[in-house]
PDB file of N, CA and C in Angstrom:
ATOM      1  N   ASN A   1      89.663 168.338 -21.222  1.00  0.00           N
ATOM      2  CA  ASN A   1      90.626 167.705 -20.289  1.00  0.00           C
ATOM      3  C   ASN A   1      90.026 167.668 -18.873  1.00  0.00           C
ATOM      4  N   MET A   2      89.331 168.716 -18.508  1.00  0.00           N
ATOM      5  CA  MET A   2      88.639 168.732 -17.228  1.00  0.00           C
ATOM      6  C   MET A   2      87.550 167.559 -17.085  1.00  0.00           C
ATOM      7  N   VAL A   3      86.917 167.418 -18.187  1.00  0.00           N
ATOM      8  CA  VAL A   3      85.862 166.328 -18.196  1.00  0.00           C
ATOM      9  C   VAL A   3      86.494 164.979 -18.039  1.00  0.00           C
ATOM     10  N   PHE A   4      87.638 164.829 -18.775  1.00  0.00           N
ATOM     11  CA  PHE A   4      88.349 163.461 -18.847  1.00  0.00           C
ATOM     12  C   PHE A   4      88.838 163.239 -17.408  1.00  0.00           C
ATOM     13  N   PHE A   5      89.473 164.234 -16.755  1.00  0.00           N
ATOM     14  CA  PHE A   5      89.969 164.082 -15.348  1.00  0.00           C
ATOM     15  C   PHE A   5      88.816 163.692 -14.414  1.00  0.00           C
ATOM     16  N   LYS A   6      87.673 164.409 -14.548  1.00  0.00           N
ATOM     17  CA  LYS A   6      86.505 164.014 -13.654  1.00  0.00           C
ATOM     18  C   LYS A   6      86.066 162.673 -13.943  1.00  0.00           C
ATOM     19  N   TYR A   7      86.122 162.204 -15.161  1.00  0.00           N
ATOM     20  CA  TYR A   7      85.794 160.821 -15.488  1.00  0.00           C
ATOM     21  C   TYR A   7      86.685 159.763 -14.767  1.00  0.00           C
ATOM     22  N   ILE A   8      88.014 160.107 -14.868  1.00  0.00           N
ATOM     23  CA  ILE A   8      88.993 159.288 -14.157  1.00  0.00           C
ATOM     24  C   ILE A   8      88.717 159.245 -12.697  1.00  0.00           C
ATOM     25  N   HIS A   9      88.482 160.409 -12.036  1.00  0.00           N
ATOM     26  CA  HIS A   9      88.183 160.529 -10.695  1.00  0.00           C
ATOM     27  C   HIS A   9      86.912 159.633 -10.372  1.00  0.00           C
ATOM     28  N   GLU A  10      85.889 159.723 -11.175  1.00  0.00           N
ATOM     29  CA  GLU A  10      84.735 159.013 -10.931  1.00  0.00           C
ATOM     30  C   GLU A  10      85.001 157.432 -10.928  1.00  0.00           C
ATOM     31  N   VAL A  11      85.758 157.050 -11.948  1.00  0.00           N
ATOM     32  CA  VAL A  11      86.084 155.632 -12.148  1.00  0.00           C
ATOM     33  C   VAL A  11      86.897 155.096 -10.872  1.00  0.00           C
ATOM     34  N   VAL A  12      87.931 155.860 -10.478  1.00  0.00           N
ATOM     35  CA  VAL A  12      88.765 155.445  -9.327  1.00  0.00           C
ATOM     36  C   VAL A  12      87.968 155.435  -8.065  1.00  0.00           C
ATOM     37  N   THR A  13      87.092 156.409  -7.893  1.00  0.00           N
ATOM     38  CA  THR A  13      86.199 156.432  -6.757  1.00  0.00           C
ATOM     39  C   THR A  13      85.263 155.240  -6.638  1.00  0.00           C
ATOM     40  N   ALA A  14      84.654 155.010  -7.872  1.00  0.00           N
ATOM     41  CA  ALA A  14      83.684 153.895  -7.891  1.00  0.00           C
ATOM     42  C   ALA A  14      84.437 152.579  -7.705  1.00  0.00           C
ATOM     43  N   LYS A  15      85.567 152.450  -8.256  1.00  0.00           N
ATOM     44  CA  LYS A  15      86.316 151.149  -8.138  1.00  0.00           C
ATOM     45  C   LYS A  15      86.728 150.928  -6.685  1.00  0.00           C
ATOM     46  N   ALA A  16      87.077 152.039  -5.961  1.00  0.00           N
ATOM     47  CA  ALA A  16      87.505 151.968  -4.584  1.00  0.00           C
ATOM     48  C   ALA A  16      86.299 151.485  -3.719  1.00  0.00           C
ATOM     49  N   LYS A  17      85.043 152.010  -4.046  1.00  0.00           N
ATOM     50  CA  LYS A  17      83.900 151.632  -3.294  1.00  0.00           C
ATOM     51  C   LYS A  17      83.524 150.221  -3.701  1.00  0.00           C
ATOM     52  N   ALA A  18      83.617 149.817  -4.927  1.00  0.00           N
ATOM     53  CA  ALA A  18      83.227 148.483  -5.322  1.00  0.00           C
ATOM     54  C   ALA A  18      84.071 147.393  -4.789  1.00  0.00           C
ATOM     55  N   ASP A  19      85.419 147.634  -4.941  1.00  0.00           N
ATOM     56  CA  ASP A  19      86.451 146.679  -4.459  1.00  0.00           C
ATOM     57  C   ASP A  19      86.966 147.096  -3.119  1.00  0.00           C
ATOM     58  N   GLY A  20      86.350 146.403  -2.037  1.00  0.00           N
ATOM     59  CA  GLY A  20      86.694 146.853  -0.679  1.00  0.00           C
ATOM     60  C   GLY A  20      88.175 146.463  -0.404  1.00  0.00           C
ATOM     61  N   GLY A  21      88.624 145.276  -0.904  1.00  0.00           N
ATOM     62  CA  GLY A  21      89.946 144.783  -0.673  1.00  0.00           C
ATOM     63  C   GLY A  21      91.005 145.519  -1.597  1.00  0.00           C
ATOM     64  N   ARG A  22      90.475 146.071  -2.660  1.00  0.00           N
ATOM     65  CA  ARG A  22      91.467 146.811  -3.515  1.00  0.00           C
ATOM     66  C   ARG A  22      91.453 148.278  -3.382  1.00  0.00           C
ATOM     67  N   SER A  23      90.796 148.760  -2.411  1.00  0.00           N
ATOM     68  CA  SER A  23      90.629 150.237  -2.194  1.00  0.00           C
ATOM     69  C   SER A  23      92.000 150.897  -1.981  1.00  0.00           C
ATOM     70  N   ALA A  24      92.930 150.166  -1.386  1.00  0.00           N
ATOM     71  CA  ALA A  24      94.240 150.611  -1.207  1.00  0.00           C
ATOM     72  C   ALA A  24      94.920 150.833  -2.478  1.00  0.00           C
ATOM     73  N   LEU A  25      94.754 149.954  -3.456  1.00  0.00           N
ATOM     74  CA  LEU A  25      95.414 150.156  -4.840  1.00  0.00           C
ATOM     75  C   LEU A  25      94.786 151.354  -5.455  1.00  0.00           C
ATOM     76  N   SER A  26      93.435 151.505  -5.388  1.00  0.00           N
ATOM     77  CA  SER A  26      92.808 152.748  -5.973  1.00  0.00           C
ATOM     78  C   SER A  26      93.411 154.018  -5.247  1.00  0.00           C
ATOM     79  N   SER A  27      93.513 153.921  -4.005  1.00  0.00           N
ATOM     80  CA  SER A  27      93.983 155.090  -3.234  1.00  0.00           C
ATOM     81  C   SER A  27      95.347 155.491  -3.709  1.00  0.00           C
ATOM     82  N   LEU A  28      96.145 154.477  -4.130  1.00  0.00           N
ATOM     83  CA  LEU A  28      97.480 154.750  -4.593  1.00  0.00           C
ATOM     84  C   LEU A  28      97.464 155.306  -5.931  1.00  0.00           C
ATOM     85  N   LEU A  29      96.536 154.877  -6.830  1.00  0.00           N
ATOM     86  CA  LEU A  29      96.499 155.354  -8.138  1.00  0.00           C
ATOM     87  C   LEU A  29      95.972 156.768  -8.227  1.00  0.00           C
ATOM     88  N   HIS A  30      95.119 157.117  -7.394  1.00  0.00           N
ATOM     89  CA  HIS A  30      94.526 158.547  -7.426  1.00  0.00           C
ATOM     90  C   HIS A  30      95.603 159.616  -7.282  1.00  0.00           C
ATOM     91  N   PRO A  31      96.433 159.557  -6.243  1.00  0.00           N
ATOM     92  CA  PRO A  31      97.467 160.551  -6.148  1.00  0.00           C
ATOM     93  C   PRO A  31      98.415 160.660  -7.283  1.00  0.00           C
ATOM     94  N   LEU A  32      98.611 159.607  -7.954  1.00  0.00           N
ATOM     95  CA  LEU A  32      99.458 159.588  -9.148  1.00  0.00           C
ATOM     96  C   LEU A  32      98.894 160.374 -10.307  1.00  0.00           C
ATOM     97  N   LEU A  33      97.575 160.524 -10.297  1.00  0.00           N
ATOM     98  CA  LEU A  33      96.916 161.204 -11.314  1.00  0.00           C
ATOM     99  C   LEU A  33      96.936 162.737 -11.093  1.00  0.00           C
ATOM    100  N   LEU A  34      97.041 163.078  -9.791  1.00  0.00           N
ATOM    101  CA  LEU A  34      97.115 164.628  -9.445  1.00  0.00           C
ATOM    102  C   LEU A  34      98.202 165.244 -10.141  1.00  0.00           C
ATOM    103  N   PRO A  35      99.515 164.876 -10.125  1.00  0.00           N
ATOM    104  CA  PRO A  35     100.487 165.655 -10.786  1.00  0.00           C
ATOM    105  C   PRO A  35     100.339 165.743 -12.206  1.00  0.00           C
ATOM    106  N   TYR A  36      99.760 164.683 -12.810  1.00  0.00           N
ATOM    107  CA  TYR A  36      99.426 164.648 -14.224  1.00  0.00           C
ATOM    108  C   TYR A  36      98.424 165.789 -14.580  1.00  0.00           C
ATOM    109  N   ALA A  37      97.430 165.780 -13.714  1.00  0.00           N
ATOM    110  CA  ALA A  37      96.402 166.850 -13.937  1.00  0.00           C
ATOM    111  C   ALA A  37      96.898 168.290 -13.758  1.00  0.00           C
ATOM    112  N   VAL A  38      97.849 168.465 -12.733  1.00  0.00           N
ATOM    113  CA  VAL A  38      98.467 169.681 -12.515  1.00  0.00           C
ATOM    114  C   VAL A  38      99.308 170.059 -13.766  1.00  0.00           C
ATOM    115  N   TRP A  39     100.008 169.128 -14.304  1.00  0.00           N
ATOM    116  CA  TRP A  39     100.835 169.310 -15.460  1.00  0.00           C
ATOM    117  C   TRP A  39     100.024 169.760 -16.710  1.00  0.00           C
ATOM    118  N   ILE A  40      98.796 169.183 -16.792  1.00  0.00           N
ATOM    119  CA  ILE A  40      97.881 169.542 -17.872  1.00  0.00           C
ATOM    120  C   ILE A  40      97.319 170.929 -17.758  1.00  0.00           C
ATOM    121  N   PHE A  41      96.826 171.240 -16.481  1.00  0.00           N
ATOM    122  CA  PHE A  41      96.060 172.506 -16.298  1.00  0.00           C
ATOM    123  C   PHE A  41      97.004 173.663 -15.943  1.00  0.00           C
ATOM    124  N   ALA A  42      98.295 173.442 -15.694  1.00  0.00           N
ATOM    125  CA  ALA A  42      99.135 174.533 -15.269  1.00  0.00           C
ATOM    126  C   ALA A  42      99.190 175.682 -16.252  1.00  0.00           C
ATOM    127  N   PRO A  43      99.223 175.477 -17.599  1.00  0.00           N
ATOM    128  CA  PRO A  43      99.228 176.619 -18.575  1.00  0.00           C
ATOM    129  C   PRO A  43      97.992 177.453 -18.412  1.00  0.00           C
ATOM    130  N   PHE A  44      96.858 176.873 -17.977  1.00  0.00           N
ATOM    131  CA  PHE A  44      95.571 177.644 -17.863  1.00  0.00           C
ATOM    132  C   PHE A  44      95.573 178.487 -16.606  1.00  0.00           C
ATOM    133  N   TRP A  45      96.318 178.033 -15.568  1.00  0.00           N
ATOM    134  CA  TRP A  45      96.396 178.693 -14.299  1.00  0.00           C
ATOM    135  C   TRP A  45      97.309 179.952 -14.252  1.00  0.00           C
ATOM    136  N   LYS A  46      98.167 180.106 -15.222  1.00  0.00           N
ATOM    137  CA  LYS A  46      99.109 181.104 -15.160  1.00  0.00           C
ATOM    138  C   LYS A  46      98.520 182.450 -15.519  1.00  0.00           C
TER     139      LYS A  46
END
Protein backbone atom coordinates (compact mmCIF):
# COMPACT_ATOMS: atom_id res chain seq x y z
CA ASN A 1 0.00 0.00 0.00
CA MET A 2 2.82 2.38 0.86
CA VAL A 3 4.51 1.67 -2.48
CA PHE A 4 1.23 2.22 -4.30
CA PHE A 5 0.68 5.59 -2.60
CA LYS A 6 4.26 6.62 -3.37
CA TYR A 7 3.60 5.71 -7.01
CA ILE A 8 0.44 7.84 -7.05
CA HIS A 9 2.38 10.70 -5.45
CA GLU A 10 5.08 10.42 -8.11
CA VAL A 11 2.52 10.39 -10.92
CA VAL A 12 0.65 13.42 -9.57
CA THR A 13 3.89 15.33 -9.00
CA ALA A 14 5.23 14.46 -12.45
CA LYS A 15 1.93 15.45 -14.07
CA ALA A 16 1.94 18.76 -12.22
CA LYS A 17 5.44 19.46 -13.51
CA ALA A 18 4.67 18.32 -17.05
CA ASP A 19 1.34 20.16 -17.42
CA GLY A 20 2.00 23.75 -16.43
CA GLY A 21 -1.59 24.80 -17.10
CA ARG A 22 -3.05 21.76 -15.39
CA SER A 23 -0.94 22.00 -12.24
CA ALA A 24 -3.97 23.41 -10.42
CA LEU A 25 -5.94 20.26 -11.23
CA SER A 26 -3.12 18.05 -9.99
CA SER A 27 -2.85 20.15 -6.85
CA LEU A 28 -6.54 19.52 -6.24
CA LEU A 29 -6.25 15.79 -6.80
CA HIS A 30 -3.34 15.32 -4.41
CA PRO A 31 -5.12 16.47 -1.20
CA LEU A 32 -8.00 14.17 -2.09
CA LEU A 33 -5.61 11.21 -1.89
CA LEU A 34 -4.38 12.11 1.60
CA PRO A 35 -7.56 11.15 3.53
CA TYR A 36 -7.65 7.94 1.49
CA ALA A 37 -4.07 7.17 2.53
CA VAL A 38 -4.84 8.00 6.17
CA TRP A 39 -7.83 5.64 6.02
CA ILE A 40 -5.62 2.87 4.65
CA PHE A 41 -2.73 3.31 7.07
CA ALA A 42 -4.75 4.19 10.19
CA PRO A 43 -4.88 0.55 11.46
CA PHE A 44 -1.09 0.35 11.29
CA TRP A 45 -0.63 3.57 13.29
CA LYS A 46 -2.74 2.44 16.25
